[in-house]
Amino acid sequence: MNKSRIEALTDGIFAVVMTLTVLEFKVPEDGNLFSPNVLLMLLIYITTFVALASIWNSLHHVMTFIKSNKVDELILWSNHWILLIVCLFPFSTVAHAEHPNSLTASLAYVSTYLIPWISLIVFSQIIYKQYNGSATLRKSNLERIKIFLVFLLPGALISLVWLYALPIVTILMAINWGRHSNFD
């Protein structure tokens, strides 16, 4: 398959998911847009949007290391796996925002949040081994693993008991993770 077709599908799915996430939120019946519930929903939405943007940025960065215009089934299905989980973000975001004290809603959100990062690390390693062998990609992947273990995993687990941990970690991670010196 042509690499550009996978990139186009990925771009389209991320655009739809990012849009659907905000469209899932409803204006409260009393019209109070500054109520604690609405502000909490906004915080969770911003966390999701930044996470999705960071995943998309990182996925794009990893794909630039495929120098060939053709990709095999392993790359295709690895990318589809990431997209499958990304498509769950609108559901888990709204469930978490509407039921912030529900353990199952929080677990669904945290799982939806963490699985794409783990998948991205594996995806990057597949590209490293199959296509590139680039020292830059290897270094980027090691940095992803470090950020995942130091920021994302602890922040996600802490957020199960303190809701504000994940937004803080997401912003810090996006600032750090988004810096790619050879980003195309």
N, C-alpha and C. Protein backbone atom coordinates (compact mmCIF):
# COMPACT_ATOMS: atom_id res chain seq x y z
N MET A 1 0.85 -1.18 0.00
CA MET A 1 0.00 0.00 0.00
C MET A 1 0.89 1.24 0.00
N ASN A 2 0.41 2.29 -0.60
CA ASN A 2 1.14 3.54 -0.65
C ASN A 2 1.07 4.23 0.72
N LYS A 3 2.23 4.69 1.17
CA LYS A 3 2.32 5.35 2.49
C LYS A 3 1.40 6.57 2.59
N SER A 4 1.25 7.30 1.52
CA SER A 4 0.43 8.52 1.56
C SER A 4 -1.05 8.21 1.83
N ARG A 5 -1.52 7.03 1.42
CA ARG A 5 -2.91 6.66 1.70
C ARG A 5 -3.13 6.43 3.19
N ILE A 6 -2.16 5.81 3.86
CA ILE A 6 -2.25 5.59 5.31
C ILE A 6 -2.22 6.93 6.03
N GLU A 7 -1.34 7.82 5.58
CA GLU A 7 -1.24 9.14 6.21
C GLU A 7 -2.54 9.93 6.02
N ALA A 8 -3.15 9.83 4.84
CA ALA A 8 -4.42 10.54 4.60
C ALA A 8 -5.54 9.99 5.48
N LEU A 9 -5.62 8.67 5.59
CA LEU A 9 -6.63 8.06 6.45
C LEU A 9 -6.40 8.49 7.90
N THR A 10 -5.16 8.46 8.34
CA THR A 10 -4.83 8.85 9.71
C THR A 10 -5.22 10.30 9.97
N ASP A 11 -4.87 11.19 9.07
CA ASP A 11 -5.23 12.61 9.22
C ASP A 11 -6.75 12.78 9.30
N GLY A 12 -7.46 12.08 8.43
CA GLY A 12 -8.92 12.20 8.42
C GLY A 12 -9.55 11.70 9.71
N ILE A 13 -9.09 10.56 10.19
CA ILE A 13 -9.66 10.01 11.43
C ILE A 13 -9.36 10.91 12.61
N PHE A 14 -8.14 11.41 12.71
CA PHE A 14 -7.83 12.32 13.82
C PHE A 14 -8.69 13.57 13.75
N ALA A 15 -8.90 14.12 12.56
CA ALA A 15 -9.73 15.32 12.43
C ALA A 15 -11.17 15.05 12.88
N VAL A 16 -11.71 13.93 12.47
CA VAL A 16 -13.08 13.58 12.85
C VAL A 16 -13.18 13.34 14.35
N VAL A 17 -12.24 12.59 14.90
CA VAL A 17 -12.29 12.28 16.34
C VAL A 17 -12.16 13.54 17.18
N MET A 18 -11.25 14.43 16.79
CA MET A 18 -11.07 15.67 17.56
C MET A 18 -12.33 16.54 17.50
N THR A 19 -13.01 16.52 16.35
CA THR A 19 -14.25 17.29 16.21
C THR A 19 -15.40 16.63 16.98
N LEU A 20 -15.54 15.33 16.83
CA LEU A 20 -16.62 14.62 17.52
C LEU A 20 -16.53 14.75 19.03
N THR A 21 -15.31 14.80 19.54
CA THR A 21 -15.15 14.88 20.99
C THR A 21 -15.83 16.12 21.54
N VAL A 22 -15.63 17.26 20.93
CA VAL A 22 -16.25 18.48 21.44
C VAL A 22 -17.75 18.52 21.14
N LEU A 23 -18.16 17.91 20.05
CA LEU A 23 -19.59 17.91 19.72
C LEU A 23 -20.41 17.04 20.66
N GLU A 24 -19.77 16.12 21.36
CA GLU A 24 -20.46 15.26 22.31
C GLU A 24 -20.92 16.01 23.56
N PHE A 25 -20.28 17.14 23.85
CA PHE A 25 -20.64 17.90 25.04
C PHE A 25 -21.88 18.74 24.76
N LYS A 26 -22.77 18.76 25.73
CA LYS A 26 -24.03 19.51 25.58
C LYS A 26 -24.01 20.74 26.48
N VAL A 27 -24.67 21.80 26.02
CA VAL A 27 -24.82 23.01 26.83
C VAL A 27 -25.78 22.69 27.96
N PRO A 28 -25.44 23.07 29.20
CA PRO A 28 -26.34 22.76 30.31
C PRO A 28 -27.69 23.47 30.14
N GLU A 29 -28.73 22.84 30.67
CA GLU A 29 -30.07 23.38 30.54
C GLU A 29 -30.21 24.76 31.17
N ASP A 30 -29.47 25.03 32.25
CA ASP A 30 -29.57 26.34 32.89
C ASP A 30 -28.71 27.40 32.18
N GLY A 31 -27.92 26.98 31.18
CA GLY A 31 -27.11 27.92 30.40
C GLY A 31 -25.87 28.43 31.11
N ASN A 32 -25.58 27.93 32.29
CA ASN A 32 -24.41 28.39 33.04
C ASN A 32 -23.15 27.69 32.52
N LEU A 33 -22.42 28.41 31.70
CA LEU A 33 -21.21 27.85 31.10
C LEU A 33 -20.00 27.91 32.03
N PHE A 34 -20.17 28.51 33.21
CA PHE A 34 -19.07 28.61 34.16
C PHE A 34 -19.32 27.79 35.43
N SER A 35 -20.25 26.85 35.34
CA SER A 35 -20.50 25.98 36.49
C SER A 35 -19.31 25.03 36.66
N PRO A 36 -19.10 24.52 37.86
CA PRO A 36 -17.98 23.58 38.07
C PRO A 36 -18.04 22.36 37.14
N ASN A 37 -19.25 21.87 36.86
CA ASN A 37 -19.37 20.71 35.96
C ASN A 37 -18.92 21.04 34.54
N VAL A 38 -19.31 22.20 34.04
CA VAL A 38 -18.92 22.59 32.69
C VAL A 38 -17.42 22.85 32.63
N LEU A 39 -16.88 23.50 33.63
CA LEU A 39 -15.43 23.75 33.65
C LEU A 39 -14.64 22.45 33.72
N LEU A 40 -15.15 21.48 34.46
CA LEU A 40 -14.49 20.18 34.52
C LEU A 40 -14.55 19.49 33.16
N MET A 41 -15.70 19.55 32.50
CA MET A 41 -15.82 18.97 31.16
C MET A 41 -14.85 19.65 30.19
N LEU A 42 -14.72 20.96 30.30
CA LEU A 42 -13.79 21.69 29.44
C LEU A 42 -12.35 21.25 29.70
N LEU A 43 -11.99 21.08 30.94
CA LEU A 43 -10.64 20.63 31.29
C LEU A 43 -10.37 19.23 30.72
N ILE A 44 -11.34 18.35 30.83
CA ILE A 44 -11.17 16.99 30.30
C ILE A 44 -11.11 17.03 28.77
N TYR A 45 -11.92 17.88 28.15
CA TYR A 45 -11.85 18.01 26.68
C TYR A 45 -10.48 18.54 26.25
N ILE A 46 -9.97 19.56 26.91
CA ILE A 46 -8.66 20.12 26.55
C ILE A 46 -7.58 19.05 26.72
N THR A 47 -7.67 18.28 27.79
CA THR A 47 -6.72 17.18 28.00
C THR A 47 -6.77 16.20 26.83
N THR A 48 -7.96 15.83 26.43
CA THR A 48 -8.12 14.90 25.32
C THR A 48 -7.59 15.50 24.02
N PHE A 49 -7.92 16.75 23.75
CA PHE A 49 -7.47 17.39 22.51
C PHE A 49 -5.94 17.44 22.46
N VAL A 50 -5.30 17.85 23.54
CA VAL A 50 -3.84 17.92 23.58
C VAL A 50 -3.24 16.52 23.43
N ALA A 51 -3.84 15.54 24.09
CA ALA A 51 -3.35 14.16 23.95
C ALA A 51 -3.46 13.69 22.50
N LEU A 52 -4.62 13.93 21.87
CA LEU A 52 -4.80 13.53 20.47
C LEU A 52 -3.83 14.26 19.55
N ALA A 53 -3.64 15.55 19.78
CA ALA A 53 -2.69 16.30 18.95
C ALA A 53 -1.27 15.76 19.12
N SER A 54 -0.91 15.40 20.34
CA SER A 54 0.42 14.85 20.60
C SER A 54 0.60 13.48 19.96
N ILE A 55 -0.45 12.66 20.03
CA ILE A 55 -0.39 11.35 19.38
C ILE A 55 -0.24 11.53 17.88
N TRP A 56 -1.03 12.41 17.29
CA TRP A 56 -0.95 12.66 15.84
C TRP A 56 0.44 13.18 15.47
N ASN A 57 0.96 14.15 16.23
CA ASN A 57 2.30 14.68 15.95
C ASN A 57 3.34 13.56 15.99
N SER A 58 3.28 12.75 17.03
CA SER A 58 4.26 11.67 17.18
C SER A 58 4.11 10.62 16.09
N LEU A 59 2.87 10.28 15.74
CA LEU A 59 2.64 9.31 14.68
C LEU A 59 3.18 9.83 13.35
N HIS A 60 2.93 11.10 13.08
CA HIS A 60 3.47 11.72 11.86
C HIS A 60 5.00 11.68 11.88
N HIS A 61 5.59 12.00 13.00
CA HIS A 61 7.05 11.99 13.13
C HIS A 61 7.60 10.59 12.86
N VAL A 62 6.99 9.57 13.42
CA VAL A 62 7.45 8.20 13.22
C VAL A 62 7.32 7.80 11.76
N MET A 63 6.22 8.18 11.13
CA MET A 63 6.00 7.82 9.72
C MET A 63 7.02 8.45 8.79
N THR A 64 7.60 9.58 9.17
CA THR A 64 8.60 10.22 8.30
C THR A 64 9.85 9.36 8.17
N PHE A 65 10.05 8.41 9.05
CA PHE A 65 11.22 7.54 8.98
C PHE A 65 11.05 6.41 7.97
N ILE A 66 9.85 6.24 7.45
CA ILE A 66 9.65 5.27 6.36
C ILE A 66 10.00 6.00 5.08
N LYS A 67 11.13 5.66 4.52
CA LYS A 67 11.62 6.36 3.33
C LYS A 67 10.97 5.86 2.05
N SER A 68 10.46 4.63 2.08
CA SER A 68 9.79 4.06 0.92
C SER A 68 8.38 4.63 0.81
N ASN A 69 7.85 4.63 -0.40
CA ASN A 69 6.47 5.05 -0.58
C ASN A 69 5.50 3.91 -0.32
N LYS A 70 6.01 2.71 -0.17
CA LYS A 70 5.18 1.53 0.06
C LYS A 70 5.36 1.04 1.50
N VAL A 71 4.26 0.56 2.08
CA VAL A 71 4.32 -0.04 3.41
C VAL A 71 3.67 -1.42 3.34
N ASP A 72 4.08 -2.28 4.26
CA ASP A 72 3.55 -3.63 4.28
C ASP A 72 2.35 -3.75 5.21
N GLU A 73 1.81 -4.97 5.30
CA GLU A 73 0.62 -5.23 6.11
C GLU A 73 0.86 -4.96 7.60
N LEU A 74 2.05 -5.25 8.09
CA LEU A 74 2.34 -5.03 9.50
C LEU A 74 2.23 -3.55 9.87
N ILE A 75 2.79 -2.69 9.03
CA ILE A 75 2.69 -1.25 9.27
C ILE A 75 1.24 -0.80 9.14
N LEU A 76 0.57 -1.28 8.12
CA LEU A 76 -0.83 -0.91 7.89
C LEU A 76 -1.70 -1.27 9.09
N TRP A 77 -1.61 -2.51 9.56
CA TRP A 77 -2.46 -2.95 10.67
C TRP A 77 -2.01 -2.38 12.00
N SER A 78 -0.74 -2.11 12.17
CA SER A 78 -0.26 -1.44 13.39
C SER A 78 -0.85 -0.04 13.47
N ASN A 79 -0.87 0.65 12.34
CA ASN A 79 -1.46 1.99 12.28
C ASN A 79 -2.97 1.92 12.54
N HIS A 80 -3.62 0.93 11.95
CA HIS A 80 -5.07 0.77 12.16
C HIS A 80 -5.39 0.51 13.63
N TRP A 81 -4.55 -0.24 14.32
CA TRP A 81 -4.76 -0.50 15.75
C TRP A 81 -4.75 0.82 16.51
N ILE A 82 -3.77 1.67 16.23
CA ILE A 82 -3.70 2.97 16.90
C ILE A 82 -4.96 3.77 16.60
N LEU A 83 -5.40 3.76 15.35
CA LEU A 83 -6.60 4.51 14.98
C LEU A 83 -7.85 3.96 15.66
N LEU A 84 -7.93 2.64 15.82
CA LEU A 84 -9.07 2.04 16.51
C LEU A 84 -9.19 2.59 17.93
N ILE A 85 -8.10 2.64 18.64
CA ILE A 85 -8.12 3.13 20.02
C ILE A 85 -8.40 4.63 20.04
N VAL A 86 -7.82 5.37 19.10
CA VAL A 86 -8.06 6.81 19.03
C VAL A 86 -9.55 7.09 18.83
N CYS A 87 -10.23 6.25 18.06
CA CYS A 87 -11.66 6.44 17.81
C CYS A 87 -12.51 6.27 19.07
N LEU A 88 -11.97 5.68 20.10
CA LEU A 88 -12.70 5.52 21.36
C LEU A 88 -12.65 6.77 22.24
N PHE A 89 -11.79 7.73 21.88
CA PHE A 89 -11.65 8.93 22.71
C PHE A 89 -12.95 9.70 22.92
N PRO A 90 -13.78 9.96 21.90
CA PRO A 90 -15.01 10.72 22.19
C PRO A 90 -15.89 10.05 23.24
N PHE A 91 -16.06 8.74 23.14
CA PHE A 91 -16.89 8.01 24.11
C PHE A 91 -16.30 8.07 25.51
N SER A 92 -15.01 7.73 25.63
CA SER A 92 -14.41 7.68 26.97
C SER A 92 -14.26 9.07 27.57
N THR A 93 -14.04 10.08 26.73
CA THR A 93 -13.92 11.45 27.24
C THR A 93 -15.24 11.92 27.83
N VAL A 94 -16.33 11.71 27.11
CA VAL A 94 -17.64 12.14 27.60
C VAL A 94 -18.04 11.33 28.84
N ALA A 95 -17.79 10.04 28.82
CA ALA A 95 -18.12 9.22 29.99
C ALA A 95 -17.37 9.72 31.22
N HIS A 96 -16.10 10.02 31.04
CA HIS A 96 -15.28 10.51 32.15
C HIS A 96 -15.73 11.91 32.60
N ALA A 97 -16.05 12.77 31.65
CA ALA A 97 -16.46 14.14 31.98
C ALA A 97 -17.82 14.17 32.68
N GLU A 98 -18.73 13.32 32.24
CA GLU A 98 -20.07 13.31 32.84
C GLU A 98 -20.13 12.52 34.14
N HIS A 99 -19.16 11.64 34.35
CA HIS A 99 -19.14 10.81 35.56
C HIS A 99 -17.72 10.77 36.13
N PRO A 100 -17.20 11.93 36.56
CA PRO A 100 -15.80 11.99 37.00
C PRO A 100 -15.50 11.17 38.25
N ASN A 101 -16.52 10.82 39.02
CA ASN A 101 -16.31 10.03 40.23
C ASN A 101 -16.52 8.53 40.01
N SER A 102 -16.83 8.15 38.79
CA SER A 102 -17.04 6.74 38.47
C SER A 102 -15.70 6.08 38.16
N LEU A 103 -15.40 5.03 38.88
CA LEU A 103 -14.14 4.31 38.65
C LEU A 103 -14.10 3.69 37.26
N THR A 104 -15.22 3.13 36.80
CA THR A 104 -15.22 2.51 35.48
C THR A 104 -15.04 3.54 34.37
N ALA A 105 -15.68 4.70 34.49
CA ALA A 105 -15.50 5.76 33.49
C ALA A 105 -14.06 6.26 33.50
N SER A 106 -13.49 6.40 34.69
CA SER A 106 -12.09 6.84 34.80
C SER A 106 -11.14 5.80 34.22
N LEU A 107 -11.40 4.53 34.51
CA LEU A 107 -10.55 3.46 33.96
C LEU A 107 -10.64 3.40 32.44
N ALA A 108 -11.85 3.59 31.91
CA ALA A 108 -12.02 3.59 30.45
C ALA A 108 -11.23 4.75 29.83
N TYR A 109 -11.32 5.91 30.44
CA TYR A 109 -10.60 7.09 29.92
C TYR A 109 -9.09 6.89 30.01
N VAL A 110 -8.62 6.43 31.16
CA VAL A 110 -7.18 6.23 31.35
C VAL A 110 -6.67 5.16 30.38
N SER A 111 -7.43 4.10 30.19
CA SER A 111 -7.02 3.05 29.24
C SER A 111 -6.96 3.58 27.82
N THR A 112 -8.00 4.32 27.44
CA THR A 112 -8.03 4.92 26.11
C THR A 112 -6.88 5.89 25.93
N TYR A 113 -6.49 6.53 27.00
CA TYR A 113 -5.38 7.49 26.98
C TYR A 113 -4.03 6.79 26.86
N LEU A 114 -3.83 5.70 27.57
CA LEU A 114 -2.52 5.05 27.62
C LEU A 114 -2.23 4.11 26.44
N ILE A 115 -3.24 3.39 25.98
CA ILE A 115 -3.01 2.38 24.94
C ILE A 115 -2.41 2.96 23.66
N PRO A 116 -2.85 4.12 23.16
CA PRO A 116 -2.20 4.65 21.95
C PRO A 116 -0.71 4.96 22.15
N TRP A 117 -0.34 5.40 23.36
CA TRP A 117 1.08 5.70 23.60
C TRP A 117 1.90 4.42 23.57
N ILE A 118 1.40 3.38 24.22
CA ILE A 118 2.10 2.08 24.19
C ILE A 118 2.19 1.58 22.76
N SER A 119 1.08 1.68 22.04
CA SER A 119 1.04 1.23 20.64
C SER A 119 2.00 2.03 19.77
N LEU A 120 2.10 3.31 20.03
CA LEU A 120 3.01 4.17 19.27
C LEU A 120 4.47 3.77 19.50
N ILE A 121 4.80 3.41 20.72
CA ILE A 121 6.16 2.95 21.02
C ILE A 121 6.45 1.65 20.25
N VAL A 122 5.51 0.73 20.25
CA VAL A 122 5.68 -0.52 19.52
C VAL A 122 5.76 -0.24 18.02
N PHE A 123 4.88 0.61 17.51
CA PHE A 123 4.86 0.99 16.09
C PHE A 123 6.20 1.58 15.67
N SER A 124 6.73 2.45 16.48
CA SER A 124 8.02 3.08 16.20
C SER A 124 9.13 2.03 16.15
N GLN A 125 9.06 1.07 17.05
CA GLN A 125 10.07 0.01 17.08
C GLN A 125 9.98 -0.87 15.83
N ILE A 126 8.76 -1.14 15.37
CA ILE A 126 8.57 -1.92 14.14
C ILE A 126 9.20 -1.18 12.96
N ILE A 127 8.93 0.11 12.86
CA ILE A 127 9.51 0.89 11.76
C ILE A 127 11.02 0.92 11.87
N TYR A 128 11.53 1.07 13.07
CA TYR A 128 12.98 1.07 13.28
C TYR A 128 13.60 -0.23 12.78
N LYS A 129 13.01 -1.35 13.14
CA LYS A 129 13.58 -2.64 12.77
C LYS A 129 13.38 -2.99 11.30
N GLN A 130 12.21 -2.65 10.74
CA GLN A 130 11.90 -3.07 9.38
C GLN A 130 12.36 -2.12 8.29
N TYR A 131 12.33 -0.83 8.59
CA TYR A 131 12.52 0.12 7.50
C TYR A 131 13.75 0.99 7.61
N ASN A 132 14.16 1.29 8.79
CA ASN A 132 15.08 2.40 8.87
C ASN A 132 16.37 2.10 9.60
N GLY A 133 16.30 1.67 10.81
CA GLY A 133 17.51 1.47 11.60
C GLY A 133 18.17 2.79 11.97
N SER A 134 17.43 3.88 11.88
CA SER A 134 17.97 5.22 12.15
C SER A 134 18.28 5.40 13.63
N ALA A 135 19.45 5.94 13.90
CA ALA A 135 19.82 6.26 15.29
C ALA A 135 18.89 7.33 15.85
N THR A 136 18.43 8.24 15.00
CA THR A 136 17.52 9.30 15.44
C THR A 136 16.19 8.71 15.87
N LEU A 137 15.67 7.77 15.09
CA LEU A 137 14.40 7.13 15.45
C LEU A 137 14.58 6.32 16.73
N ARG A 138 15.68 5.61 16.85
CA ARG A 138 15.94 4.83 18.07
C ARG A 138 15.98 5.74 19.29
N LYS A 139 16.66 6.89 19.15
CA LYS A 139 16.75 7.85 20.26
C LYS A 139 15.36 8.42 20.59
N SER A 140 14.58 8.74 19.56
CA SER A 140 13.22 9.26 19.78
C SER A 140 12.36 8.22 20.49
N ASN A 141 12.51 6.96 20.12
CA ASN A 141 11.71 5.92 20.75
C ASN A 141 12.11 5.73 22.22
N LEU A 142 13.39 5.80 22.50
CA LEU A 142 13.84 5.70 23.89
C LEU A 142 13.30 6.88 24.71
N GLU A 143 13.24 8.05 24.09
CA GLU A 143 12.67 9.23 24.75
C GLU A 143 11.18 9.03 25.01
N ARG A 144 10.46 8.44 24.04
CA ARG A 144 9.04 8.14 24.23
C ARG A 144 8.83 7.20 25.41
N ILE A 145 9.66 6.17 25.49
CA ILE A 145 9.54 5.21 26.59
C ILE A 145 9.78 5.91 27.92
N LYS A 146 10.80 6.76 27.97
CA LYS A 146 11.11 7.48 29.21
C LYS A 146 9.95 8.39 29.61
N ILE A 147 9.42 9.14 28.67
CA ILE A 147 8.30 10.04 28.96
C ILE A 147 7.08 9.24 29.40
N PHE A 148 6.85 8.11 28.75
CA PHE A 148 5.71 7.27 29.14
C PHE A 148 5.86 6.80 30.58
N LEU A 149 7.03 6.29 30.92
CA LEU A 149 7.25 5.74 32.26
C LEU A 149 7.33 6.80 33.35
N VAL A 150 7.88 7.97 33.01
CA VAL A 150 8.07 9.03 34.02
C VAL A 150 6.84 9.91 34.17
N PHE A 151 6.17 10.24 33.06
CA PHE A 151 5.05 11.18 33.10
C PHE A 151 3.69 10.49 32.94
N LEU A 152 3.50 9.83 31.79
CA LEU A 152 2.16 9.38 31.42
C LEU A 152 1.60 8.29 32.32
N LEU A 153 2.34 7.23 32.51
CA LEU A 153 1.82 6.13 33.31
C LEU A 153 1.55 6.56 34.76
N PRO A 154 2.52 7.18 35.45
CA PRO A 154 2.21 7.64 36.82
C PRO A 154 1.07 8.66 36.86
N GLY A 155 1.07 9.62 35.92
CA GLY A 155 0.01 10.63 35.91
C GLY A 155 -1.36 10.02 35.69
N ALA A 156 -1.43 9.04 34.78
CA ALA A 156 -2.71 8.39 34.51
C ALA A 156 -3.19 7.62 35.74
N LEU A 157 -2.28 6.93 36.39
CA LEU A 157 -2.67 6.16 37.58
C LEU A 157 -3.07 7.08 38.73
N ILE A 158 -2.32 8.17 38.92
CA ILE A 158 -2.68 9.13 39.97
C ILE A 158 -4.04 9.76 39.68
N SER A 159 -4.34 9.97 38.39
CA SER A 159 -5.61 10.61 38.03
C SER A 159 -6.82 9.77 38.43
N LEU A 160 -6.61 8.51 38.71
CA LEU A 160 -7.73 7.68 39.18
C LEU A 160 -8.19 8.11 40.56
N VAL A 161 -7.29 8.75 41.34
CA VAL A 161 -7.68 9.24 42.66
C VAL A 161 -7.68 10.77 42.73
N TRP A 162 -6.90 11.42 41.86
CA TRP A 162 -6.87 12.89 41.81
C TRP A 162 -7.03 13.31 40.36
N LEU A 163 -8.22 13.74 40.01
CA LEU A 163 -8.63 14.01 38.63
C LEU A 163 -7.69 14.94 37.87
N TYR A 164 -7.05 15.86 38.56
CA TYR A 164 -6.27 16.90 37.88
C TYR A 164 -4.86 16.47 37.51
N ALA A 165 -4.46 15.27 37.90
CA ALA A 165 -3.11 14.80 37.57
C ALA A 165 -2.94 14.62 36.06
N LEU A 166 -3.90 14.04 35.39
CA LEU A 166 -3.77 13.77 33.96
C LEU A 166 -3.70 15.05 33.12
N PRO A 167 -4.53 16.06 33.38
CA PRO A 167 -4.36 17.30 32.61
C PRO A 167 -2.97 17.94 32.79
N ILE A 168 -2.47 17.93 34.01
CA ILE A 168 -1.15 18.51 34.26
C ILE A 168 -0.09 17.74 33.51
N VAL A 169 -0.12 16.42 33.62
CA VAL A 169 0.86 15.57 32.96
C VAL A 169 0.76 15.71 31.44
N THR A 170 -0.46 15.80 30.92
CA THR A 170 -0.65 15.91 29.47
C THR A 170 -0.01 17.18 28.92
N ILE A 171 -0.21 18.29 29.61
CA ILE A 171 0.40 19.55 29.16
C ILE A 171 1.92 19.47 29.23
N LEU A 172 2.45 18.96 30.33
CA LEU A 172 3.91 18.81 30.46
C LEU A 172 4.46 17.88 29.39
N MET A 173 3.78 16.79 29.16
CA MET A 173 4.21 15.83 28.15
C MET A 173 4.18 16.44 26.76
N ALA A 174 3.13 17.17 26.44
CA ALA A 174 3.02 17.78 25.11
C ALA A 174 4.13 18.78 24.87
N ILE A 175 4.46 19.54 25.90
CA ILE A 175 5.56 20.50 25.77
C ILE A 175 6.86 19.77 25.50
N ASN A 176 7.10 18.70 26.23
CA ASN A 176 8.35 17.95 26.07
C ASN A 176 8.34 17.08 24.83
N TRP A 177 7.28 16.31 24.63
CA TRP A 177 7.21 15.33 23.55
C TRP A 177 7.16 16.00 22.18
N GLY A 178 6.56 17.16 22.13
CA GLY A 178 6.39 17.83 20.84
C GLY A 178 7.65 18.39 20.22
N ARG A 179 8.74 18.36 20.96
CA ARG A 179 9.98 18.94 20.44
C ARG A 179 10.79 17.89 19.67
N HIS A 180 10.62 17.88 18.36
CA HIS A 180 11.40 16.97 17.52
C HIS A 180 12.32 17.84 16.65
N SER A 181 13.60 17.61 16.77
CA SER A 181 14.56 18.46 16.06
C SER A 181 14.49 18.28 14.55
N ASN A 182 14.08 17.10 14.09
CA ASN A 182 14.00 16.87 12.65
C ASN A 182 12.57 16.56 12.21
N PHE A 183 11.63 17.25 12.80
CA PHE A 183 10.22 17.04 12.52
C PHE A 183 9.88 17.62 11.16
N ASP A 184 9.27 16.81 10.28
CA ASP A 184 8.89 17.28 8.93
C ASP A 184 7.46 17.75 8.92
